[in-house]
PDB file of N, CA and C in Angstrom:
ATOM      1  N   MET A   1      53.928  -4.111  37.611  1.00  0.00           N
ATOM      2  CA  MET A   1      52.783  -4.885  38.023  1.00  0.00           C
ATOM      3  C   MET A   1      51.935  -4.098  39.032  1.00  0.00           C
ATOM      4  N   LEU A   2      52.375  -3.858  40.110  1.00  0.00           N
ATOM      5  CA  LEU A   2      51.768  -2.996  41.318  1.00  0.00           C
ATOM      6  C   LEU A   2      51.032  -1.837  40.613  1.00  0.00           C
ATOM      7  N   LYS A   3      51.716  -1.079  39.756  1.00  0.00           N
ATOM      8  CA  LYS A   3      51.287   0.222  39.199  1.00  0.00           C
ATOM      9  C   LYS A   3      49.914  -0.268  38.323  1.00  0.00           C
ATOM     10  N   ASP A   4      49.960  -1.291  37.625  1.00  0.00           N
ATOM     11  CA  ASP A   4      49.061  -1.704  36.805  1.00  0.00           C
ATOM     12  C   ASP A   4      47.602  -1.978  37.685  1.00  0.00           C
ATOM     13  N   LEU A   5      47.869  -2.858  38.785  1.00  0.00           N
ATOM     14  CA  LEU A   5      46.878  -2.998  39.790  1.00  0.00           C
ATOM     15  C   LEU A   5      46.348  -1.765  40.369  1.00  0.00           C
ATOM     16  N   GLU A   6      47.197  -0.910  40.868  1.00  0.00           N
ATOM     17  CA  GLU A   6      46.639   0.304  41.444  1.00  0.00           C
ATOM     18  C   GLU A   6      45.936   1.278  40.517  1.00  0.00           C
ATOM     19  N   LYS A   7      46.376   1.283  39.187  1.00  0.00           N
ATOM     20  CA  LYS A   7      45.568   1.931  38.320  1.00  0.00           C
ATOM     21  C   LYS A   7      44.213   1.370  37.911  1.00  0.00           C
ATOM     22  N   ALA A   8      44.067   0.179  37.935  1.00  0.00           N
ATOM     23  CA  ALA A   8      42.943  -0.640  37.721  1.00  0.00           C
ATOM     24  C   ALA A   8      41.894  -0.452  39.058  1.00  0.00           C
ATOM     25  N   LEU A   9      42.600  -0.599  40.300  1.00  0.00           N
ATOM     26  CA  LEU A   9      41.826  -0.438  41.496  1.00  0.00           C
ATOM     27  C   LEU A   9      41.317   0.997  41.580  1.00  0.00           C
ATOM     28  N   LYS A  10      42.064   1.954  41.165  1.00  0.00           N
ATOM     29  CA  LYS A  10      41.554   3.435  41.300  1.00  0.00           C
ATOM     30  C   LYS A  10      40.434   3.590  40.284  1.00  0.00           C
ATOM     31  N   ALA A  11      40.464   3.000  39.113  1.00  0.00           N
ATOM     32  CA  ALA A  11      39.564   3.279  37.921  1.00  0.00           C
ATOM     33  C   ALA A  11      38.237   2.693  38.316  1.00  0.00           C
ATOM     34  N   ALA A  12      38.378   1.521  39.029  1.00  0.00           N
ATOM     35  CA  ALA A  12      37.099   0.834  39.464  1.00  0.00           C
ATOM     36  C   ALA A  12      36.446   1.274  40.740  1.00  0.00           C
ATOM     37  N   ALA A  13      37.090   2.195  41.443  1.00  0.00           N
ATOM     38  CA  ALA A  13      36.850   2.655  42.741  1.00  0.00           C
ATOM     39  C   ALA A  13      35.813   4.133  42.624  1.00  0.00           C
ATOM     40  N   ASP A  14      35.009   3.863  41.761  1.00  0.00           N
ATOM     41  CA  ASP A  14      33.813   4.889  41.365  1.00  0.00           C
ATOM     42  C   ASP A  14      32.474   4.394  41.064  1.00  0.00           C
ATOM     43  N   GLU A  15      31.397   4.661  41.777  1.00  0.00           N
ATOM     44  CA  GLU A  15      30.131   4.045  41.444  1.00  0.00           C
ATOM     45  C   GLU A  15      29.839   4.179  39.972  1.00  0.00           C
ATOM     46  N   THR A  16      30.052   5.194  39.386  1.00  0.00           N
ATOM     47  CA  THR A  16      29.556   5.311  37.955  1.00  0.00           C
ATOM     48  C   THR A  16      30.431   4.404  37.019  1.00  0.00           C
ATOM     49  N   ARG A  17      31.770   4.415  37.303  1.00  0.00           N
ATOM     50  CA  ARG A  17      32.552   3.397  36.554  1.00  0.00           C
ATOM     51  C   ARG A  17      32.166   1.882  36.693  1.00  0.00           C
ATOM     52  N   LEU A  18      31.794   1.704  37.994  1.00  0.00           N
ATOM     53  CA  LEU A  18      31.367   0.263  38.130  1.00  0.00           C
ATOM     54  C   LEU A  18      30.151   0.014  37.392  1.00  0.00           C
ATOM     55  N   ARG A  19      29.335   0.950  37.381  1.00  0.00           N
ATOM     56  CA  ARG A  19      27.928   0.873  36.685  1.00  0.00           C
ATOM     57  C   ARG A  19      28.243   0.518  35.263  1.00  0.00           C
ATOM     58  N   ILE A  20      29.076   1.322  34.712  1.00  0.00           N
ATOM     59  CA  ILE A  20      29.651   1.218  33.324  1.00  0.00           C
ATOM     60  C   ILE A  20      30.128  -0.240  32.935  1.00  0.00           C
ATOM     61  N   LEU A  21      30.826  -0.573  33.781  1.00  0.00           N
ATOM     62  CA  LEU A  21      31.445  -1.897  33.585  1.00  0.00           C
ATOM     63  C   LEU A  21      30.448  -3.101  33.537  1.00  0.00           C
ATOM     64  N   LYS A  22      29.642  -2.783  34.581  1.00  0.00           N
ATOM     65  CA  LYS A  22      28.383  -3.894  34.496  1.00  0.00           C
ATOM     66  C   LYS A  22      27.627  -3.733  33.403  1.00  0.00           C
ATOM     67  N   MET A  23      27.362  -2.512  32.765  1.00  0.00           N
ATOM     68  CA  MET A  23      26.445  -2.312  31.590  1.00  0.00           C
ATOM     69  C   MET A  23      27.119  -2.948  30.244  1.00  0.00           C
ATOM     70  N   LEU A  24      28.511  -2.912  30.302  1.00  0.00           N
ATOM     71  CA  LEU A  24      29.303  -3.566  29.182  1.00  0.00           C
ATOM     72  C   LEU A  24      29.286  -4.955  29.128  1.00  0.00           C
ATOM     73  N   GLU A  25      28.839  -5.692  30.211  1.00  0.00           N
ATOM     74  CA  GLU A  25      29.019  -7.109  30.281  1.00  0.00           C
ATOM     75  C   GLU A  25      28.286  -7.957  29.353  1.00  0.00           C
ATOM     76  N   PRO A  26      27.023  -7.463  28.896  1.00  0.00           N
ATOM     77  CA  PRO A  26      26.489  -8.156  27.849  1.00  0.00           C
ATOM     78  C   PRO A  26      26.837  -7.924  26.384  1.00  0.00           C
ATOM     79  N   GLY A  27      27.685  -6.859  26.235  1.00  0.00           N
ATOM     80  CA  GLY A  27      28.205  -6.403  24.934  1.00  0.00           C
ATOM     81  C   GLY A  27      28.602  -5.051  24.755  1.00  0.00           C
ATOM     82  N   PRO A  28      29.197  -4.770  23.710  1.00  0.00           N
ATOM     83  CA  PRO A  28      29.608  -3.278  23.608  1.00  0.00           C
ATOM     84  C   PRO A  28      28.382  -2.558  23.507  1.00  0.00           C
ATOM     85  N   LEU A  29      28.672  -1.118  23.737  1.00  0.00           N
ATOM     86  CA  LEU A  29      27.705  -0.201  23.672  1.00  0.00           C
ATOM     87  C   LEU A  29      28.365   1.040  23.095  1.00  0.00           C
ATOM     88  N   CYS A  30      27.593   1.871  22.350  1.00  0.00           N
ATOM     89  CA  CYS A  30      28.113   3.342  22.055  1.00  0.00           C
ATOM     90  C   CYS A  30      28.055   4.246  23.115  1.00  0.00           C
ATOM     91  N   VAL A  31      28.754   5.112  23.100  1.00  0.00           N
ATOM     92  CA  VAL A  31      28.728   6.219  24.177  1.00  0.00           C
ATOM     93  C   VAL A  31      27.291   6.699  24.343  1.00  0.00           C
ATOM     94  N   CYS A  32      26.625   7.131  23.121  1.00  0.00           N
ATOM     95  CA  CYS A  32      25.282   7.645  23.316  1.00  0.00           C
ATOM     96  C   CYS A  32      24.441   6.659  23.950  1.00  0.00           C
ATOM     97  N   GLN A  33      24.551   5.481  23.809  1.00  0.00           N
ATOM     98  CA  GLN A  33      23.705   4.274  24.542  1.00  0.00           C
ATOM     99  C   GLN A  33      23.951   4.563  25.918  1.00  0.00           C
ATOM    100  N   ILE A  34      25.254   4.522  26.471  1.00  0.00           N
ATOM    101  CA  ILE A  34      25.508   4.808  27.855  1.00  0.00           C
ATOM    102  C   ILE A  34      25.086   5.986  28.473  1.00  0.00           C
ATOM    103  N   VAL A  35      25.259   7.031  27.509  1.00  0.00           N
ATOM    104  CA  VAL A  35      24.636   8.428  28.074  1.00  0.00           C
ATOM    105  C   VAL A  35      23.023   8.186  28.407  1.00  0.00           C
ATOM    106  N   GLN A  36      22.543   7.616  27.326  1.00  0.00           N
ATOM    107  CA  GLN A  36      20.883   7.563  27.509  1.00  0.00           C
ATOM    108  C   GLN A  36      20.712   6.770  28.704  1.00  0.00           C
ATOM    109  N   ALA A  37      21.340   5.666  28.792  1.00  0.00           N
ATOM    110  CA  ALA A  37      20.938   4.752  29.996  1.00  0.00           C
ATOM    111  C   ALA A  37      21.226   5.332  31.458  1.00  0.00           C
ATOM    112  N   LEU A  38      22.468   6.105  31.571  1.00  0.00           N
ATOM    113  CA  LEU A  38      22.796   6.606  32.696  1.00  0.00           C
ATOM    114  C   LEU A  38      22.266   7.981  33.079  1.00  0.00           C
ATOM    115  N   ARG A  39      21.839   8.549  31.937  1.00  0.00           N
ATOM    116  CA  ARG A  39      21.319  10.029  32.076  1.00  0.00           C
ATOM    117  C   ARG A  39      22.297  10.917  32.703  1.00  0.00           C
ATOM    118  N   LEU A  40      23.702  10.923  32.052  1.00  0.00           N
ATOM    119  CA  LEU A  40      24.693  11.742  32.331  1.00  0.00           C
ATOM    120  C   LEU A  40      25.049  12.231  31.031  1.00  0.00           C
ATOM    121  N   SER A  41      25.838  13.519  31.173  1.00  0.00           N
ATOM    122  CA  SER A  41      26.194  14.010  29.943  1.00  0.00           C
ATOM    123  C   SER A  41      27.230  13.232  29.159  1.00  0.00           C
ATOM    124  N   GLN A  42      27.421  13.607  27.967  1.00  0.00           N
ATOM    125  CA  GLN A  42      28.459  12.870  27.118  1.00  0.00           C
ATOM    126  C   GLN A  42      29.921  13.073  27.558  1.00  0.00           C
ATOM    127  N   SER A  43      30.230  14.041  28.053  1.00  0.00           N
ATOM    128  CA  SER A  43      31.473  14.436  28.450  1.00  0.00           C
ATOM    129  C   SER A  43      31.683  13.809  29.696  1.00  0.00           C
ATOM    130  N   THR A  44      30.754  13.690  30.602  1.00  0.00           N
ATOM    131  CA  THR A  44      31.005  12.847  31.841  1.00  0.00           C
ATOM    132  C   THR A  44      31.194  11.456  31.721  1.00  0.00           C
ATOM    133  N   VAL A  45      30.398  10.981  30.687  1.00  0.00           N
ATOM    134  CA  VAL A  45      30.653   9.430  30.279  1.00  0.00           C
ATOM    135  C   VAL A  45      31.933   9.160  29.702  1.00  0.00           C
ATOM    136  N   SER A  46      32.396  10.169  28.879  1.00  0.00           N
ATOM    137  CA  SER A  46      33.427   9.832  28.036  1.00  0.00           C
ATOM    138  C   SER A  46      34.709   9.981  28.958  1.00  0.00           C
ATOM    139  N   LYS A  47      34.779  10.841  29.975  1.00  0.00           N
ATOM    140  CA  LYS A  47      35.756  11.113  30.971  1.00  0.00           C
ATOM    141  C   LYS A  47      35.874   9.699  31.922  1.00  0.00           C
ATOM    142  N   HIS A  48      34.821   9.186  32.323  1.00  0.00           N
ATOM    143  CA  HIS A  48      34.880   7.822  32.958  1.00  0.00           C
ATOM    144  C   HIS A  48      35.354   6.753  32.217  1.00  0.00           C
ATOM    145  N   LEU A  49      34.961   6.699  30.686  1.00  0.00           N
ATOM    146  CA  LEU A  49      35.355   5.716  29.910  1.00  0.00           C
ATOM    147  C   LEU A  49      36.837   5.890  29.432  1.00  0.00           C
ATOM    148  N   SER A  50      37.419   6.966  29.392  1.00  0.00           N
ATOM    149  CA  SER A  50      38.752   7.315  29.425  1.00  0.00           C
ATOM    150  C   SER A  50      39.596   6.585  30.568  1.00  0.00           C
ATOM    151  N   ILE A  51      39.092   6.962  31.591  1.00  0.00           N
ATOM    152  CA  ILE A  51      39.957   6.487  33.055  1.00  0.00           C
ATOM    153  C   ILE A  51      39.620   4.819  33.006  1.00  0.00           C
ATOM    154  N   LEU A  52      38.698   4.188  32.559  1.00  0.00           N
ATOM    155  CA  LEU A  52      38.515   2.878  32.554  1.00  0.00           C
ATOM    156  C   LEU A  52      39.423   2.259  31.513  1.00  0.00           C
ATOM    157  N   GLY A  53      39.497   2.897  30.356  1.00  0.00           N
ATOM    158  CA  GLY A  53      40.348   2.588  29.322  1.00  0.00           C
ATOM    159  C   GLY A  53      41.852   2.588  29.490  1.00  0.00           C
ATOM    160  N   GLY A  54      42.235   3.686  30.259  1.00  0.00           N
ATOM    161  CA  GLY A  54      43.685   4.011  30.703  1.00  0.00           C
ATOM    162  C   GLY A  54      44.176   2.955  31.585  1.00  0.00           C
ATOM    163  N   ALA A  55      43.144   2.126  32.431  1.00  0.00           N
ATOM    164  CA  ALA A  55      43.275   1.113  33.143  1.00  0.00           C
ATOM    165  C   ALA A  55      43.374  -0.255  32.526  1.00  0.00           C
ATOM    166  N   GLY A  56      42.906  -0.350  31.189  1.00  0.00           N
ATOM    167  CA  GLY A  56      42.784  -1.541  30.516  1.00  0.00           C
ATOM    168  C   GLY A  56      41.440  -2.339  30.704  1.00  0.00           C
ATOM    169  N   LEU A  57      40.538  -1.583  31.496  1.00  0.00           N
ATOM    170  CA  LEU A  57      39.284  -2.327  31.957  1.00  0.00           C
ATOM    171  C   LEU A  57      38.284  -2.297  30.647  1.00  0.00           C
ATOM    172  N   VAL A  58      38.315  -1.308  29.845  1.00  0.00           N
ATOM    173  CA  VAL A  58      37.532  -1.262  28.718  1.00  0.00           C
ATOM    174  C   VAL A  58      38.355  -1.058  27.477  1.00  0.00           C
ATOM    175  N   SER A  59      37.959  -1.486  26.313  1.00  0.00           N
ATOM    176  CA  SER A  59      38.650  -1.196  25.171  1.00  0.00           C
ATOM    177  C   SER A  59      37.491  -0.569  24.134  1.00  0.00           C
ATOM    178  N   ASP A  60      37.894   0.357  23.155  1.00  0.00           N
ATOM    179  CA  ASP A  60      37.155   0.873  22.149  1.00  0.00           C
ATOM    180  C   ASP A  60      37.279   0.613  20.867  1.00  0.00           C
ATOM    181  N   GLU A  61      36.434   0.820  20.133  1.00  0.00           N
ATOM    182  CA  GLU A  61      36.382   0.434  18.697  1.00  0.00           C
ATOM    183  C   GLU A  61      35.680   1.600  17.806  1.00  0.00           C
ATOM    184  N   ARG A  62      36.451   2.397  17.121  1.00  0.00           N
ATOM    185  CA  ARG A  62      35.955   3.531  16.285  1.00  0.00           C
ATOM    186  C   ARG A  62      35.138   2.964  15.197  1.00  0.00           C
ATOM    187  N   ARG A  63      33.865   3.341  14.793  1.00  0.00           N
ATOM    188  CA  ARG A  63      33.179   3.212  13.811  1.00  0.00           C
ATOM    189  C   ARG A  63      32.687   4.511  13.158  1.00  0.00           C
ATOM    190  N   GLY A  64      33.437   4.974  12.203  1.00  0.00           N
ATOM    191  CA  GLY A  64      33.035   6.406  11.828  1.00  0.00           C
ATOM    192  C   GLY A  64      33.212   7.333  12.653  1.00  0.00           C
ATOM    193  N   LYS A  65      32.127   8.084  13.138  1.00  0.00           N
ATOM    194  CA  LYS A  65      32.182   9.062  14.121  1.00  0.00           C
ATOM    195  C   LYS A  65      31.871   8.599  15.394  1.00  0.00           C
ATOM    196  N   TRP A  66      31.437   7.385  15.593  1.00  0.00           N
ATOM    197  CA  TRP A  66      31.007   6.763  16.703  1.00  0.00           C
ATOM    198  C   TRP A  66      32.111   5.776  17.353  1.00  0.00           C
ATOM    199  N   THR A  67      32.167   5.781  18.796  1.00  0.00           N
ATOM    200  CA  THR A  67      32.956   4.986  19.451  1.00  0.00           C
ATOM    201  C   THR A  67      32.256   3.950  20.284  1.00  0.00           C
ATOM    202  N   PHE A  68      32.413   2.703  20.254  1.00  0.00           N
ATOM    203  CA  PHE A  68      31.819   1.508  21.061  1.00  0.00           C
ATOM    204  C   PHE A  68      32.864   1.152  21.907  1.00  0.00           C
ATOM    205  N   TYR A  69      32.313   0.769  23.132  1.00  0.00           N
ATOM    206  CA  TYR A  69      33.213   0.323  24.103  1.00  0.00           C
ATOM    207  C   TYR A  69      32.756  -1.110  24.449  1.00  0.00           C
ATOM    208  N   ARG A  70      33.587  -1.881  25.003  1.00  0.00           N
ATOM    209  CA  ARG A  70      33.393  -3.144  25.490  1.00  0.00           C
ATOM    210  C   ARG A  70      34.375  -3.317  26.672  1.00  0.00           C
ATOM    211  N   LEU A  71      34.131  -4.453  27.573  1.00  0.00           N
ATOM    212  CA  LEU A  71      35.107  -4.873  28.543  1.00  0.00           C
ATOM    213  C   LEU A  71      36.412  -5.116  27.951  1.00  0.00           C
ATOM    214  N   GLY A  72      37.347  -4.799  28.522  1.00  0.00           N
ATOM    215  CA  GLY A  72      38.881  -5.057  28.013  1.00  0.00           C
ATOM    216  C   GLY A  72      39.267  -6.268  28.524  1.00  0.00           C
ATOM    217  N   LYS A  73      40.366  -6.578  27.871  1.00  0.00           N
ATOM    218  CA  LYS A  73      41.100  -7.904  28.259  1.00  0.00           C
ATOM    219  C   LYS A  73      42.438  -7.399  28.702  1.00  0.00           C
ATOM    220  N   PRO A  74      42.575  -7.049  29.988  1.00  0.00           N
ATOM    221  CA  PRO A  74      43.745  -6.469  30.744  1.00  0.00           C
ATOM    222  C   PRO A  74      44.755  -7.511  30.708  1.00  0.00           C
ATOM    223  N   ALA A  75      45.962  -7.032  30.464  1.00  0.00           N
ATOM    224  CA  ALA A  75      47.305  -7.993  30.228  1.00  0.00           C
ATOM    225  C   ALA A  75      47.614  -8.629  31.778  1.00  0.00           C
ATOM    226  N   ALA A  76      47.296  -7.684  32.731  1.00  0.00           N
ATOM    227  CA  ALA A  76      47.673  -7.993  34.206  1.00  0.00           C
ATOM    228  C   ALA A  76      46.671  -9.057  34.698  1.00  0.00           C
ATOM    229  N   ALA A  77      47.229 -10.208  35.262  1.00  0.00           N
ATOM    230  CA  ALA A  77      46.277 -11.030  35.843  1.00  0.00           C
ATOM    231  C   ALA A  77      45.420 -10.553  37.006  1.00  0.00           C
ATOM    232  N   GLU A  78      46.030  -9.526  37.709  1.00  0.00           N
ATOM    233  CA  GLU A  78      45.459  -8.824  38.799  1.00  0.00           C
ATOM    234  C   GLU A  78      44.121  -8.086  38.261  1.00  0.00           C
ATOM    235  N   SER A  79      44.369  -7.234  37.195  1.00  0.00           N
ATOM    236  CA  SER A  79      43.177  -6.628  36.752  1.00  0.00           C
ATOM    237  C   SER A  79      42.012  -7.533  36.091  1.00  0.00           C
ATOM    238  N   ARG A  80      42.424  -8.738  35.638  1.00  0.00           N
ATOM    239  CA  ARG A  80      41.369  -9.703  35.066  1.00  0.00           C
ATOM    240  C   ARG A  80      40.662 -10.139  36.396  1.00  0.00           C
ATOM    241  N   ARG A  81      41.477 -10.493  37.289  1.00  0.00           N
ATOM    242  CA  ARG A  81      40.678 -10.622  38.668  1.00  0.00           C
ATOM    243  C   ARG A  81      39.700  -9.714  39.154  1.00  0.00           C
ATOM    244  N   LEU A  82      40.127  -8.510  39.037  1.00  0.00           N
ATOM    245  CA  LEU A  82      39.285  -7.366  39.506  1.00  0.00           C
ATOM    246  C   LEU A  82      38.036  -7.373  38.616  1.00  0.00           C
ATOM    247  N   LEU A  83      38.067  -7.377  37.354  1.00  0.00           N
ATOM    248  CA  LEU A  83      36.903  -7.521  36.448  1.00  0.00           C
ATOM    249  C   LEU A  83      35.963  -8.656  37.100  1.00  0.00           C
ATOM    250  N   ALA A  84      36.456  -9.900  37.209  1.00  0.00           N
ATOM    251  CA  ALA A  84      35.904 -10.816  37.807  1.00  0.00           C
ATOM    252  C   ALA A  84      35.080 -10.699  38.942  1.00  0.00           C
ATOM    253  N   VAL A  85      35.813  -9.879  39.902  1.00  0.00           N
ATOM    254  CA  VAL A  85      35.164  -9.480  41.303  1.00  0.00           C
ATOM    255  C   VAL A  85      33.965  -8.644  40.961  1.00  0.00           C
ATOM    256  N   VAL A  86      34.146  -7.537  39.992  1.00  0.00           N
ATOM    257  CA  VAL A  86      33.043  -6.548  39.641  1.00  0.00           C
ATOM    258  C   VAL A  86      31.860  -7.459  39.026  1.00  0.00           C
ATOM    259  N   ARG A  87      32.187  -8.319  38.308  1.00  0.00           N
ATOM    260  CA  ARG A  87      31.080  -9.266  37.589  1.00  0.00           C
ATOM    261  C   ARG A  87      30.260  -9.827  38.622  1.00  0.00           C
ATOM    262  N   ALA A  88      30.999 -10.413  39.533  1.00  0.00           N
ATOM    263  CA  ALA A  88      30.325 -11.267  40.652  1.00  0.00           C
ATOM    264  C   ALA A  88      29.481 -10.378  41.709  1.00  0.00           C
ATOM    265  N   CYS A  89      30.284  -9.470  42.039  1.00  0.00           N
ATOM    266  CA  CYS A  89      29.694  -8.546  43.357  1.00  0.00           C
ATOM    267  C   CYS A  89      28.640  -7.467  42.855  1.00  0.00           C
ATOM    268  N   ALA A  90      29.068  -6.644  41.959  1.00  0.00           N
ATOM    269  CA  ALA A  90      28.141  -5.461  41.618  1.00  0.00           C
ATOM    270  C   ALA A  90      26.769  -5.671  41.189  1.00  0.00           C
ATOM    271  N   GLY A  91      26.448  -6.960  40.833  1.00  0.00           N
ATOM    272  CA  GLY A  91      25.434  -7.209  39.970  1.00  0.00           C
ATOM    273  C   GLY A  91      23.988  -7.253  40.955  1.00  0.00           C
ATOM    274  N   THR A  92      24.364  -7.272  42.274  1.00  0.00           N
ATOM    275  CA  THR A  92      23.406  -7.224  43.250  1.00  0.00           C
ATOM    276  C   THR A  92      22.795  -5.985  43.728  1.00  0.00           C
ATOM    277  N   ASP A  93      23.445  -4.913  43.013  1.00  0.00           N
ATOM    278  CA  ASP A  93      22.997  -3.567  43.412  1.00  0.00           C
ATOM    279  C   ASP A  93      21.773  -3.103  42.682  1.00  0.00           C
ATOM    280  N   PRO A  94      20.684  -2.520  43.375  1.00  0.00           N
ATOM    281  CA  PRO A  94      19.627  -2.106  42.517  1.00  0.00           C
ATOM    282  C   PRO A  94      19.686  -1.128  41.354  1.00  0.00           C
ATOM    283  N   LYS A  95      20.824  -0.350  41.559  1.00  0.00           N
ATOM    284  CA  LYS A  95      20.983   0.786  40.532  1.00  0.00           C
ATOM    285  C   LYS A  95      21.691   0.000  39.368  1.00  0.00           C
ATOM    286  N   VAL A  96      22.534  -0.975  39.582  1.00  0.00           N
ATOM    287  CA  VAL A  96      23.054  -1.601  38.529  1.00  0.00           C
ATOM    288  C   VAL A  96      21.971  -2.474  37.767  1.00  0.00           C
ATOM    289  N   ALA A  97      21.012  -3.047  38.605  1.00  0.00           N
ATOM    290  CA  ALA A  97      20.056  -3.827  37.863  1.00  0.00           C
ATOM    291  C   ALA A  97      19.245  -3.070  36.827  1.00  0.00           C
ATOM    292  N   LYS A  98      18.841  -1.742  37.360  1.00  0.00           N
ATOM    293  CA  LYS A  98      18.154  -0.779  36.643  1.00  0.00           C
ATOM    294  C   LYS A  98      18.874  -0.303  35.546  1.00  0.00           C
ATOM    295  N   ASP A  99      20.274  -0.016  35.513  1.00  0.00           N
ATOM    296  CA  ASP A  99      21.106   0.398  34.527  1.00  0.00           C
ATOM    297  C   ASP A  99      21.104  -0.731  33.407  1.00  0.00           C
ATOM    298  N   LEU A 100      21.301  -2.111  33.789  1.00  0.00           N
ATOM    299  CA  LEU A 100      21.145  -3.097  32.848  1.00  0.00           C
ATOM    300  C   LEU A 100      19.847  -3.231  32.134  1.00  0.00           C
ATOM    301  N   GLN A 101      18.866  -3.048  32.877  1.00  0.00           N
ATOM    302  CA  GLN A 101      17.480  -3.004  32.131  1.00  0.00           C
ATOM    303  C   GLN A 101      17.491  -1.878  31.107  1.00  0.00           C
ATOM    304  N   LYS A 102      17.994  -0.546  31.382  1.00  0.00           N
ATOM    305  CA  LYS A 102      17.853   0.395  30.621  1.00  0.00           C
ATOM    306  C   LYS A 102      18.888   0.293  29.343  1.00  0.00           C
ATOM    307  N   ALA A 103      19.785  -0.366  29.478  1.00  0.00           N
ATOM    308  CA  ALA A 103      20.844  -0.611  28.527  1.00  0.00           C
ATOM    309  C   ALA A 103      20.358  -1.610  27.525  1.00  0.00           C
ATOM    310  N   GLU A 104      19.567  -2.573  28.040  1.00  0.00           N
ATOM    311  CA  GLU A 104      18.928  -3.695  27.392  1.00  0.00           C
ATOM    312  C   GLU A 104      17.707  -3.320  26.446  1.00  0.00           C
ATOM    313  N   SER A 105      17.180  -2.010  26.898  1.00  0.00           N
ATOM    314  CA  SER A 105      15.760  -1.523  26.564  1.00  0.00           C
ATOM    315  C   SER A 105      15.827  -1.261  24.783  1.00  0.00           C
ATOM    316  N   GLU A 106      14.863  -1.448  24.411  1.00  0.00           N
ATOM    317  CA  GLU A 106      14.589  -1.180  23.058  1.00  0.00           C
ATOM    318  C   GLU A 106      14.974   0.362  22.692  1.00  0.00           C
ATOM    319  N   LYS A 107      14.558   1.106  23.471  1.00  0.00           N
ATOM    320  CA  LYS A 107      14.898   2.724  23.289  1.00  0.00           C
ATOM    321  C   LYS A 107      16.478   2.987  23.204  1.00  0.00           C
ATOM    322  N   VAL A 108      17.093   2.275  24.074  1.00  0.00           N
ATOM    323  CA  VAL A 108      18.523   2.406  24.242  1.00  0.00           C
ATOM    324  C   VAL A 108      19.160   1.564  23.001  1.00  0.00           C
ATOM    325  N   ARG A 109      18.913   0.501  22.779  1.00  0.00           N
ATOM    326  CA  ARG A 109      19.450  -0.627  21.860  1.00  0.00           C
ATOM    327  C   ARG A 109      19.209   0.067  20.423  1.00  0.00           C
ATOM    328  N   SER A 110      18.210   0.781  20.173  1.00  0.00           N
ATOM    329  CA  SER A 110      17.897   1.146  18.875  1.00  0.00           C
ATOM    330  C   SER A 110      18.031   2.709  18.654  1.00  0.00           C
ATOM    331  N   LEU A 111      19.262   3.374  18.974  1.00  0.00           N
ATOM    332  CA  LEU A 111      19.426   4.607  18.819  1.00  0.00           C
ATOM    333  C   LEU A 111      19.956   4.941  17.377  1.00  0.00           C
ATOM    334  N   PRO A 112      19.106   4.885  16.422  1.00  0.00           N
ATOM    335  CA  PRO A 112      19.643   5.041  15.011  1.00  0.00           C
ATOM    336  C   PRO A 112      20.130   6.545  14.832  1.00  0.00           C
ATOM    337  N   SER A 113      19.427   7.534  15.595  1.00  0.00           N
ATOM    338  CA  SER A 113      20.008   8.902  15.190  1.00  0.00           C
ATOM    339  C   SER A 113      21.465   9.139  15.596  1.00  0.00           C
ATOM    340  N   CYS A 114      21.987   8.328  16.482  1.00  0.00           N
ATOM    341  CA  CYS A 114      23.514   8.538  16.775  1.00  0.00           C
ATOM    342  C   CYS A 114      24.420   7.360  16.463  1.00  0.00           C
ATOM    343  N   CYS A 115      23.849   6.224  16.388  1.00  0.00           N
ATOM    344  CA  CYS A 115      24.778   5.081  16.114  1.00  0.00           C
ATOM    345  C   CYS A 115      24.444   4.387  14.876  1.00  0.00           C
ATOM    346  N   PRO A 116      25.706   4.143  14.154  1.00  0.00           N
ATOM    347  CA  PRO A 116      25.560   3.538  12.794  1.00  0.00           C
ATOM    348  C   PRO A 116      25.317   1.990  12.992  1.00  0.00           C
ATOM    349  N   PRO A 117      24.631   1.435  12.139  1.00  0.00           N
ATOM    350  CA  PRO A 117      24.337  -0.126  12.108  1.00  0.00           C
ATOM    351  C   PRO A 117      25.879  -0.706  12.102  1.00  0.00           C
ATOM    352  N   ARG A 118      25.880  -2.049  12.971  1.00  0.00           N
ATOM    353  CA  ARG A 118      27.068  -2.752  12.876  1.00  0.00           C
ATOM    354  C   ARG A 118      27.006  -3.689  11.726  1.00  0.00           C
ATOM    355  N   LYS A 119      28.093  -3.881  10.926  1.00  0.00           N
ATOM    356  CA  LYS A 119      28.137  -4.748   9.547  1.00  0.00           C
ATOM    357  C   LYS A 119      27.426  -5.968   9.962  1.00  0.00           C
ATOM    358  N   ALA A 120      27.910  -6.637  11.192  1.00  0.00           N
ATOM    359  CA  ALA A 120      27.432  -8.025  11.553  1.00  0.00           C
ATOM    360  C   ALA A 120      25.751  -7.930  11.752  1.00  0.00           C
ATOM    361  N   ASP A 121      25.283  -6.913  11.984  1.00  0.00           N
ATOM    362  CA  ASP A 121      23.872  -6.894  12.264  1.00  0.00           C
ATOM    363  C   ASP A 121      22.886  -6.660  10.903  1.00  0.00           C
ATOM    364  N   LYS A 122      23.596  -6.472   9.798  1.00  0.00           N
ATOM    365  CA  LYS A 122      22.929  -6.414   8.540  1.00  0.00           C
ATOM    366  C   LYS A 122      22.028  -5.217   8.470  1.00  0.00           C
ATOM    367  N   GLY A 123      22.285  -4.031   8.991  1.00  0.00           N
ATOM    368  CA  GLY A 123      21.383  -2.871   8.913  1.00  0.00           C
ATOM    369  C   GLY A 123      20.621  -2.780  10.181  1.00  0.00           C
ATOM    370  N   VAL A 124      20.681  -3.490  11.089  1.00  0.00           N
ATOM    371  CA  VAL A 124      19.919  -3.436  12.618  1.00  0.00           C
ATOM    372  C   VAL A 124      20.716  -2.652  13.246  1.00  0.00           C
ATOM    373  N   ALA A 125      20.148  -1.507  13.810  1.00  0.00           N
ATOM    374  CA  ALA A 125      20.943  -0.479  14.714  1.00  0.00           C
ATOM    375  C   ALA A 125      21.310  -1.309  16.100  1.00  0.00           C
ATOM    376  N   VAL A 126      22.406  -0.846  16.623  1.00  0.00           N
ATOM    377  CA  VAL A 126      22.783  -1.637  17.753  1.00  0.00           C
ATOM    378  C   VAL A 126      21.963  -1.067  18.990  1.00  0.00           C
TER     379      VAL A 126
END
């Protein structure tokens, strides 16, 4: 139990990873959408997502060649509380507000060149 909490705290103890967690609050994003919003390399974003996934803070879903990420549902109550704290506190940061704005922008939400349409969207790109 303490090990799970330690892992989650270490994963969340990074500005970029906190920004990613906040970006995922409204819903799932493809790696390429996160890359576009944060203006970081794909490998950097993937590394951060791997750390967050290892701590159970995000989960992924493969769709063909693409991977979409969403906030996880950690088994440990402490990790769920940590996500609640991130939701409550990190939203006041100007960088986070900018990230959310970019993630919700039409440019990022409609990246047809890298993201396949979701079945539920009936042909509309995510």
